[in-house]
């Protein structure tokens, strides 16, 4: 029997689906975080060059990757909402922004903690660090712009334009180590293979999965709140409120 996935594009049906998925995503995320941190900080061997300090990568790298991917997903939803005037798309973009900003902040913060013992300074105007900082400002700008406009539809359109224009910064972050002479090393894990120890790879991929599941759980929880706020005058929200009472 074929499933009509398009029905979940409606806020009312997606609200129920998200509510069912959140507990599973949250529990799976917590378990993977525990496993990933254990492998990364207790099982993975000491790095020959960086010593114990390298272990920050098990938080820094997943946070950095998530900050970029979430921005592109946010911009994609914003574009769909702008082009097709779909309500849920704009709501999803708004729900993703705070989580993306959180990961961008964690990326910068852990990068500073890693950079101090490795480079001797907390911050340098390195191409990748600077473009990641710009990414954080884009997230914050999206949130601030949306909050500053009272009309939700106008706020969706204005913030969508910012998100779409700002998406050009993501490939700059990714390719900065190739385009400019930066302190950051290139990708350690590639499609052609990896030089990392197997335990390091296991910790990295486990933490990556944990971050993805966490992001999904938080975004779904936030979008449910946005749906209730934006759809508060609809019949189905009124019926839902009556059931809860």
C-alpha atoms as a PDB file:
ATOM      1  CA  UNK A   1       0.000   0.000   0.000  1.00  0.00           C
ATOM      2  CA  UNK A   2       1.495   3.317  -1.096  1.00  0.00           C
ATOM      3  CA  UNK A   3       1.885   6.071   1.495  1.00  0.00           C
ATOM      4  CA  UNK A   4       0.814   9.556   0.499  1.00  0.00           C
ATOM      5  CA  UNK A   5       3.743  11.531   1.887  1.00  0.00           C
ATOM      6  CA  UNK A   6       2.363  14.806   0.475  1.00  0.00           C
ATOM      7  CA  UNK A   7      -0.314  14.865   3.148  1.00  0.00           C
ATOM      8  CA  UNK A   8       2.438  15.556   5.694  1.00  0.00           C
ATOM      9  CA  UNK A   9       3.120  18.855   3.949  1.00  0.00           C
ATOM     10  CA  UNK A  10       0.057  20.177   5.775  1.00  0.00           C
ATOM     11  CA  UNK A  11       0.823  21.615   9.240  1.00  0.00           C
ATOM     12  CA  UNK A  12      -2.026  19.681  10.860  1.00  0.00           C
ATOM     13  CA  UNK A  13      -0.804  16.253   9.738  1.00  0.00           C
ATOM     14  CA  UNK A  14       2.890  17.028  10.217  1.00  0.00           C
ATOM     15  CA  UNK A  15       2.176  18.160  13.773  1.00  0.00           C
ATOM     16  CA  UNK A  16       1.005  14.678  14.704  1.00  0.00           C
ATOM     17  CA  UNK A  17       3.839  12.919  12.867  1.00  0.00           C
ATOM     18  CA  UNK A  18       6.480  15.086  14.529  1.00  0.00           C
ATOM     19  CA  UNK A  19       4.994  14.412  17.938  1.00  0.00           C
ATOM     20  CA  UNK A  20       5.345  10.665  17.425  1.00  0.00           C
ATOM     21  CA  UNK A  21       8.939  10.896  16.164  1.00  0.00           C
ATOM     22  CA  UNK A  22      10.367  13.227  18.810  1.00  0.00           C
ATOM     23  CA  UNK A  23      10.650  10.676  21.693  1.00  0.00           C
ATOM     24  CA  UNK A  24      12.343   8.097  19.467  1.00  0.00           C
ATOM     25  CA  UNK A  25      14.762  10.648  18.044  1.00  0.00           C
ATOM     26  CA  UNK A  26      15.589  12.041  21.476  1.00  0.00           C
ATOM     27  CA  UNK A  27      16.268   8.644  23.053  1.00  0.00           C
ATOM     28  CA  UNK A  28      18.349   7.453  20.092  1.00  0.00           C
ATOM     29  CA  UNK A  29      20.325  10.692  20.145  1.00  0.00           C
ATOM     30  CA  UNK A  30      21.086  10.410  23.872  1.00  0.00           C
ATOM     31  CA  UNK A  31      22.259   6.823  23.474  1.00  0.00           C
ATOM     32  CA  UNK A  32      24.510   7.665  20.533  1.00  0.00           C
ATOM     33  CA  UNK A  33      25.960  10.670  22.356  1.00  0.00           C
ATOM     34  CA  UNK A  34      26.878   8.440  25.287  1.00  0.00           C
ATOM     35  CA  UNK A  35      28.439   5.801  23.017  1.00  0.00           C
ATOM     36  CA  UNK A  36      30.260   8.334  20.844  1.00  0.00           C
ATOM     37  CA  UNK A  37      31.722  10.258  23.776  1.00  0.00           C
ATOM     38  CA  UNK A  38      32.832   7.029  25.444  1.00  0.00           C
ATOM     39  CA  UNK A  39      34.609   5.798  22.317  1.00  0.00           C
ATOM     40  CA  UNK A  40      36.105   9.210  21.571  1.00  0.00           C
ATOM     41  CA  UNK A  41      37.389   9.996  25.063  1.00  0.00           C
ATOM     42  CA  UNK A  42      38.047   6.539  26.523  1.00  0.00           C
ATOM     43  CA  UNK A  43      38.687   4.087  23.674  1.00  0.00           C
ATOM     44  CA  UNK A  44      40.277   6.063  20.830  1.00  0.00           C
ATOM     45  CA  UNK A  45      44.088   6.208  21.088  1.00  0.00           C
ATOM     46  CA  UNK A  46      46.120   9.329  21.743  1.00  0.00           C
ATOM     47  CA  UNK A  47      47.110  11.218  18.600  1.00  0.00           C
ATOM     48  CA  UNK A  48      50.839  11.070  17.849  1.00  0.00           C
ATOM     49  CA  UNK A  49      51.125  14.805  17.098  1.00  0.00           C
ATOM     50  CA  UNK A  50      48.339  16.524  19.029  1.00  0.00           C
ATOM     51  CA  UNK A  51      48.178  14.310  22.086  1.00  0.00           C
ATOM     52  CA  UNK A  52      44.952  14.353  24.085  1.00  0.00           C
ATOM     53  CA  UNK A  53      43.912  17.751  22.749  1.00  0.00           C
ATOM     54  CA  UNK A  54      42.748  16.270  19.445  1.00  0.00           C
ATOM     55  CA  UNK A  55      39.703  14.663  21.135  1.00  0.00           C
ATOM     56  CA  UNK A  56      37.834  17.955  20.797  1.00  0.00           C
ATOM     57  CA  UNK A  57      37.320  17.000  17.138  1.00  0.00           C
ATOM     58  CA  UNK A  58      34.616  14.520  18.182  1.00  0.00           C
ATOM     59  CA  UNK A  59      32.505  17.530  19.145  1.00  0.00           C
ATOM     60  CA  UNK A  60      33.979  20.192  16.872  1.00  0.00           C
ATOM     61  CA  UNK A  61      33.757  18.389  13.531  1.00  0.00           C
ATOM     62  CA  UNK A  62      30.136  17.134  13.853  1.00  0.00           C
ATOM     63  CA  UNK A  63      29.033  20.580  15.077  1.00  0.00           C
ATOM     64  CA  UNK A  64      30.785  22.275  12.153  1.00  0.00           C
ATOM     65  CA  UNK A  65      29.263  19.922   9.591  1.00  0.00           C
ATOM     66  CA  UNK A  66      25.786  20.229  11.104  1.00  0.00           C
ATOM     67  CA  UNK A  67      26.020  24.027  11.121  1.00  0.00           C
ATOM     68  CA  UNK A  68      26.600  24.005   7.353  1.00  0.00           C
ATOM     69  CA  UNK A  69      24.089  21.309   6.445  1.00  0.00           C
ATOM     70  CA  UNK A  70      21.348  22.813   8.578  1.00  0.00           C
ATOM     71  CA  UNK A  71      21.838  26.182   6.926  1.00  0.00           C
ATOM     72  CA  UNK A  72      21.418  24.649   3.476  1.00  0.00           C
ATOM     73  CA  UNK A  73      18.313  22.776   4.631  1.00  0.00           C
ATOM     74  CA  UNK A  74      16.963  25.978   6.174  1.00  0.00           C
ATOM     75  CA  UNK A  75      17.629  27.885   2.950  1.00  0.00           C
ATOM     76  CA  UNK A  76      15.963  25.092   0.960  1.00  0.00           C
ATOM     77  CA  UNK A  77      12.822  25.223   3.076  1.00  0.00           C
ATOM     78  CA  UNK A  78      12.848  29.018   2.903  1.00  0.00           C
ATOM     79  CA  UNK A  79      13.077  28.860  -0.898  1.00  0.00           C
ATOM     80  CA  UNK A  80      10.188  26.382  -1.094  1.00  0.00           C
ATOM     81  CA  UNK A  81       8.083  28.627   1.086  1.00  0.00           C
ATOM     82  CA  UNK A  82       8.973  31.666  -0.993  1.00  0.00           C
ATOM     83  CA  UNK A  83       8.343  30.031  -4.369  1.00  0.00           C
ATOM     84  CA  UNK A  84       5.310  27.852  -3.597  1.00  0.00           C
ATOM     85  CA  UNK A  85       3.926  29.808  -0.643  1.00  0.00           C
ATOM     86  CA  UNK A  86       3.789  26.656   1.477  1.00  0.00           C
ATOM     87  CA  UNK A  87       3.144  27.358   5.140  1.00  0.00           C
ATOM     88  CA  UNK A  88       5.010  24.386   6.605  1.00  0.00           C
ATOM     89  CA  UNK A  89       8.182  25.147   4.621  1.00  0.00           C
ATOM     90  CA  UNK A  90       8.469  28.612   6.146  1.00  0.00           C
ATOM     91  CA  UNK A  91       7.765  27.193   9.599  1.00  0.00           C
ATOM     92  CA  UNK A  92      10.479  24.566   9.182  1.00  0.00           C
ATOM     93  CA  UNK A  93      12.994  27.221   8.150  1.00  0.00           C
ATOM     94  CA  UNK A  94      12.182  29.228  11.277  1.00  0.00           C
ATOM     95  CA  UNK A  95      12.455  26.109  13.438  1.00  0.00           C
ATOM     96  CA  UNK A  96      15.862  25.133  12.052  1.00  0.00           C
ATOM     97  CA  UNK A  97      17.549  28.523  12.536  1.00  0.00           C
ATOM     98  CA  UNK A  98      18.110  28.411  16.345  1.00  0.00           C
ATOM     99  CA  UNK A  99      19.520  24.877  16.212  1.00  0.00           C
ATOM    100  CA  UNK A 100      21.796  25.795  13.330  1.00  0.00           C
ATOM    101  CA  UNK A 101      22.998  28.839  15.262  1.00  0.00           C
ATOM    102  CA  UNK A 102      23.709  26.619  18.272  1.00  0.00           C
ATOM    103  CA  UNK A 103      25.881  24.268  16.219  1.00  0.00           C
ATOM    104  CA  UNK A 104      27.701  27.212  14.612  1.00  0.00           C
ATOM    105  CA  UNK A 105      28.430  28.611  18.090  1.00  0.00           C
ATOM    106  CA  UNK A 106      29.649  25.210  19.337  1.00  0.00           C
ATOM    107  CA  UNK A 107      31.860  24.931  16.257  1.00  0.00           C
ATOM    108  CA  UNK A 108      33.483  28.298  16.957  1.00  0.00           C
ATOM    109  CA  UNK A 109      33.782  27.684  20.685  1.00  0.00           C
ATOM    110  CA  UNK A 110      35.342  24.220  20.389  1.00  0.00           C
ATOM    111  CA  UNK A 111      37.534  25.510  17.570  1.00  0.00           C
ATOM    112  CA  UNK A 112      38.915  28.121  19.946  1.00  0.00           C
ATOM    113  CA  UNK A 113      39.521  25.472  22.623  1.00  0.00           C
ATOM    114  CA  UNK A 114      41.361  23.365  20.054  1.00  0.00           C
ATOM    115  CA  UNK A 115      43.252  26.286  18.537  1.00  0.00           C
ATOM    116  CA  UNK A 116      44.762  27.588  21.774  1.00  0.00           C
ATOM    117  CA  UNK A 117      46.999  24.553  22.504  1.00  0.00           C
ATOM    118  CA  UNK A 118      47.649  23.827  18.815  1.00  0.00           C
ATOM    119  CA  UNK A 119      48.273  27.330  17.423  1.00  0.00           C
ATOM    120  CA  UNK A 120      48.901  29.291  20.593  1.00  0.00           C
ATOM    121  CA  UNK A 121      45.943  31.665  20.123  1.00  0.00           C
ATOM    122  CA  UNK A 122      42.202  31.529  20.757  1.00  0.00           C
ATOM    123  CA  UNK A 123      41.273  33.202  17.486  1.00  0.00           C
ATOM    124  CA  UNK A 124      42.790  34.061  14.121  1.00  0.00           C
ATOM    125  CA  UNK A 125      41.115  35.664  11.121  1.00  0.00           C
ATOM    126  CA  UNK A 126      41.618  32.425   9.262  1.00  0.00           C
ATOM    127  CA  UNK A 127      39.407  32.004   6.153  1.00  0.00           C
ATOM    128  CA  UNK A 128      37.458  29.068   7.560  1.00  0.00           C
ATOM    129  CA  UNK A 129      37.075  30.544  11.030  1.00  0.00           C
ATOM    130  CA  UNK A 130      35.939  33.877   9.628  1.00  0.00           C
ATOM    131  CA  UNK A 131      33.416  32.323   7.238  1.00  0.00           C
ATOM    132  CA  UNK A 132      32.060  30.135  10.064  1.00  0.00           C
ATOM    133  CA  UNK A 133      31.624  33.280  12.166  1.00  0.00           C
ATOM    134  CA  UNK A 134      29.741  34.842   9.259  1.00  0.00           C
ATOM    135  CA  UNK A 135      27.521  31.748   9.208  1.00  0.00           C
ATOM    136  CA  UNK A 136      26.629  32.326  12.861  1.00  0.00           C
ATOM    137  CA  UNK A 137      25.779  35.956  12.063  1.00  0.00           C
ATOM    138  CA  UNK A 138      23.587  34.803   9.176  1.00  0.00           C
ATOM    139  CA  UNK A 139      21.647  32.504  11.484  1.00  0.00           C
ATOM    140  CA  UNK A 140      21.236  35.275  14.038  1.00  0.00           C
ATOM    141  CA  UNK A 141      20.300  37.740  11.313  1.00  0.00           C
ATOM    142  CA  UNK A 142      17.626  35.350  10.020  1.00  0.00           C
ATOM    143  CA  UNK A 143      16.161  34.984  13.515  1.00  0.00           C
ATOM    144  CA  UNK A 144      16.302  38.725  14.247  1.00  0.00           C
ATOM    145  CA  UNK A 145      14.820  39.727  10.891  1.00  0.00           C
ATOM    146  CA  UNK A 146      11.939  37.280  11.227  1.00  0.00           C
ATOM    147  CA  UNK A 147      11.208  38.458  14.771  1.00  0.00           C
ATOM    148  CA  UNK A 148      11.301  42.145  13.805  1.00  0.00           C
ATOM    149  CA  UNK A 149       8.385  41.901  11.333  1.00  0.00           C
ATOM    150  CA  UNK A 150       4.913  41.540  12.815  1.00  0.00           C
ATOM    151  CA  UNK A 151       3.229  40.062   9.744  1.00  0.00           C
ATOM    152  CA  UNK A 152       4.282  36.370   9.576  1.00  0.00           C
ATOM    153  CA  UNK A 153       3.965  36.198   5.774  1.00  0.00           C
ATOM    154  CA  UNK A 154       6.149  39.256   5.239  1.00  0.00           C
ATOM    155  CA  UNK A 155       8.603  37.958   7.829  1.00  0.00           C
ATOM    156  CA  UNK A 156       8.795  34.614   5.999  1.00  0.00           C
ATOM    157  CA  UNK A 157       9.546  36.304   2.667  1.00  0.00           C
ATOM    158  CA  UNK A 158      12.149  38.715   4.024  1.00  0.00           C
ATOM    159  CA  UNK A 159      14.037  36.080   6.033  1.00  0.00           C
ATOM    160  CA  UNK A 160      13.831  33.642   3.116  1.00  0.00           C
ATOM    161  CA  UNK A 161      15.685  36.088   0.881  1.00  0.00           C
ATOM    162  CA  UNK A 162      18.401  36.471   3.515  1.00  0.00           C
ATOM    163  CA  UNK A 163      18.708  32.695   3.899  1.00  0.00           C
ATOM    164  CA  UNK A 164      18.979  32.123   0.147  1.00  0.00           C
ATOM    165  CA  UNK A 165      21.573  34.857  -0.383  1.00  0.00           C
ATOM    166  CA  UNK A 166      23.544  33.707   2.646  1.00  0.00           C
ATOM    167  CA  UNK A 167      23.775  30.141   1.358  1.00  0.00           C
ATOM    168  CA  UNK A 168      26.737  31.168  -0.827  1.00  0.00           C
ATOM    169  CA  UNK A 169      28.777  31.272   2.378  1.00  0.00           C
ATOM    170  CA  UNK A 170      28.486  27.515   2.954  1.00  0.00           C
ATOM    171  CA  UNK A 171      30.662  26.413   0.005  1.00  0.00           C
ATOM    172  CA  UNK A 172      33.126  29.138   1.003  1.00  0.00           C
ATOM    173  CA  UNK A 173      33.458  27.495   4.421  1.00  0.00           C
ATOM    174  CA  UNK A 174      33.902  24.036   2.916  1.00  0.00           C
ATOM    175  CA  UNK A 175      36.393  24.938   0.185  1.00  0.00           C
ATOM    176  CA  UNK A 176      38.290  27.614   2.112  1.00  0.00           C
ATOM    177  CA  UNK A 177      41.155  25.231   2.934  1.00  0.00           C
ATOM    178  CA  UNK A 178      41.608  24.582  -0.798  1.00  0.00           C
ATOM    179  CA  UNK A 179      41.121  28.127  -2.048  1.00  0.00           C
ATOM    180  CA  UNK A 180      43.285  29.931   0.523  1.00  0.00           C
ATOM    181  CA  UNK A 181      46.291  29.249   2.707  1.00  0.00           C
ATOM    182  CA  UNK A 182      44.577  28.506   6.039  1.00  0.00           C
ATOM    183  CA  UNK A 183      45.647  26.884   9.294  1.00  0.00           C
ATOM    184  CA  UNK A 184      42.956  24.239   8.994  1.00  0.00           C
ATOM    185  CA  UNK A 185      43.891  20.883   7.554  1.00  0.00           C
ATOM    186  CA  UNK A 186      41.957  19.271   4.720  1.00  0.00           C
ATOM    187  CA  UNK A 187      39.352  16.573   5.195  1.00  0.00           C
ATOM    188  CA  UNK A 188      40.705  13.559   7.021  1.00  0.00           C
ATOM    189  CA  UNK A 189      37.791  11.311   6.026  1.00  0.00           C
ATOM    190  CA  UNK A 190      37.333  11.038   2.265  1.00  0.00           C
ATOM    191  CA  UNK A 191      35.462   8.813  -0.157  1.00  0.00           C
ATOM    192  CA  UNK A 192      38.769   7.227  -1.105  1.00  0.00           C
ATOM    193  CA  UNK A 193      39.483   6.198   2.493  1.00  0.00           C
ATOM    194  CA  UNK A 194      40.737   7.601   5.775  1.00  0.00           C
ATOM    195  CA  UNK A 195      44.002   7.709   7.675  1.00  0.00           C
ATOM    196  CA  UNK A 196      42.188   7.852  11.021  1.00  0.00           C
ATOM    197  CA  UNK A 197      42.290   4.999  13.494  1.00  0.00           C
ATOM    198  CA  UNK A 198      39.166   2.836  13.336  1.00  0.00           C
ATOM    199  CA  UNK A 199      38.118   3.846  16.874  1.00  0.00           C
ATOM    200  CA  UNK A 200      38.427   7.521  15.905  1.00  0.00           C
ATOM    201  CA  UNK A 201      36.218   6.908  12.869  1.00  0.00           C
ATOM    202  CA  UNK A 202      33.652   5.077  14.985  1.00  0.00           C
ATOM    203  CA  UNK A 203      33.529   7.930  17.483  1.00  0.00           C
ATOM    204  CA  UNK A 204      33.265  10.546  14.741  1.00  0.00           C
ATOM    205  CA  UNK A 205      30.436   8.845  12.845  1.00  0.00           C
ATOM    206  CA  UNK A 206      28.561   8.000  16.055  1.00  0.00           C
ATOM    207  CA  UNK A 207      28.738  11.612  17.219  1.00  0.00           C
ATOM    208  CA  UNK A 208      27.660  12.772  13.777  1.00  0.00           C
ATOM    209  CA  UNK A 209      24.573  10.547  13.904  1.00  0.00           C
ATOM    210  CA  UNK A 210      23.829  11.707  17.444  1.00  0.00           C
ATOM    211  CA  UNK A 211      23.976  15.358  16.384  1.00  0.00           C
ATOM    212  CA  UNK A 212      21.670  14.708  13.414  1.00  0.00           C
ATOM    213  CA  UNK A 213      19.090  12.952  15.590  1.00  0.00           C
ATOM    214  CA  UNK A 214      19.319  15.674  18.211  1.00  0.00           C
ATOM    215  CA  UNK A 215      18.801  18.356  15.566  1.00  0.00           C
ATOM    216  CA  UNK A 216      15.775  16.552  14.175  1.00  0.00           C
ATOM    217  CA  UNK A 217      14.205  16.110  17.614  1.00  0.00           C
ATOM    218  CA  UNK A 218      14.705  19.747  18.598  1.00  0.00           C
ATOM    219  CA  UNK A 219      13.575  21.110  15.232  1.00  0.00           C
ATOM    220  CA  UNK A 220      10.435  18.953  15.280  1.00  0.00           C
ATOM    221  CA  UNK A 221       9.639  20.101  18.819  1.00  0.00           C
ATOM    222  CA  UNK A 222      10.148  23.732  17.849  1.00  0.00           C
ATOM    223  CA  UNK A 223       8.122  23.488  14.642  1.00  0.00           C
ATOM    224  CA  UNK A 224       5.199  22.009  16.600  1.00  0.00           C
ATOM    225  CA  UNK A 225       5.236  25.130  18.765  1.00  0.00           C
ATOM    226  CA  UNK A 226       5.385  27.351  15.688  1.00  0.00           C
ATOM    227  CA  UNK A 227       2.509  25.445  14.075  1.00  0.00           C
ATOM    228  CA  UNK A 228       0.311  25.946  17.122  1.00  0.00           C
ATOM    229  CA  UNK A 229       1.140  29.643  17.170  1.00  0.00           C
ATOM    230  CA  UNK A 230       0.604  30.235  13.461  1.00  0.00           C
ATOM    231  CA  UNK A 231      -2.474  27.985  13.194  1.00  0.00           C
ATOM    232  CA  UNK A 232      -4.113  29.004  16.476  1.00  0.00           C
ATOM    233  CA  UNK A 233      -7.229  30.315  14.719  1.00  0.00           C
ATOM    234  CA  UNK A 234      -7.861  27.117  12.757  1.00  0.00           C
ATOM    235  CA  UNK A 235     -10.487  24.543  13.651  1.00  0.00           C
ATOM    236  CA  UNK A 236      -8.083  21.666  14.234  1.00  0.00           C
ATOM    237  CA  UNK A 237      -6.011  23.617  16.774  1.00  0.00           C
ATOM    238  CA  UNK A 238      -9.197  24.549  18.610  1.00  0.00           C
ATOM    239  CA  UNK A 239     -10.244  20.910  18.731  1.00  0.00           C
ATOM    240  CA  UNK A 240      -6.776  19.922  19.923  1.00  0.00           C
ATOM    241  CA  UNK A 241      -6.977  22.454  22.749  1.00  0.00           C
ATOM    242  CA  UNK A 242     -10.350  21.078  23.802  1.00  0.00           C
ATOM    243  CA  UNK A 243      -8.996  17.535  23.899  1.00  0.00           C
ATOM    244  CA  UNK A 244      -6.053  18.602  26.120  1.00  0.00           C
ATOM    245  CA  UNK A 245      -8.408  20.355  28.507  1.00  0.00           C
END
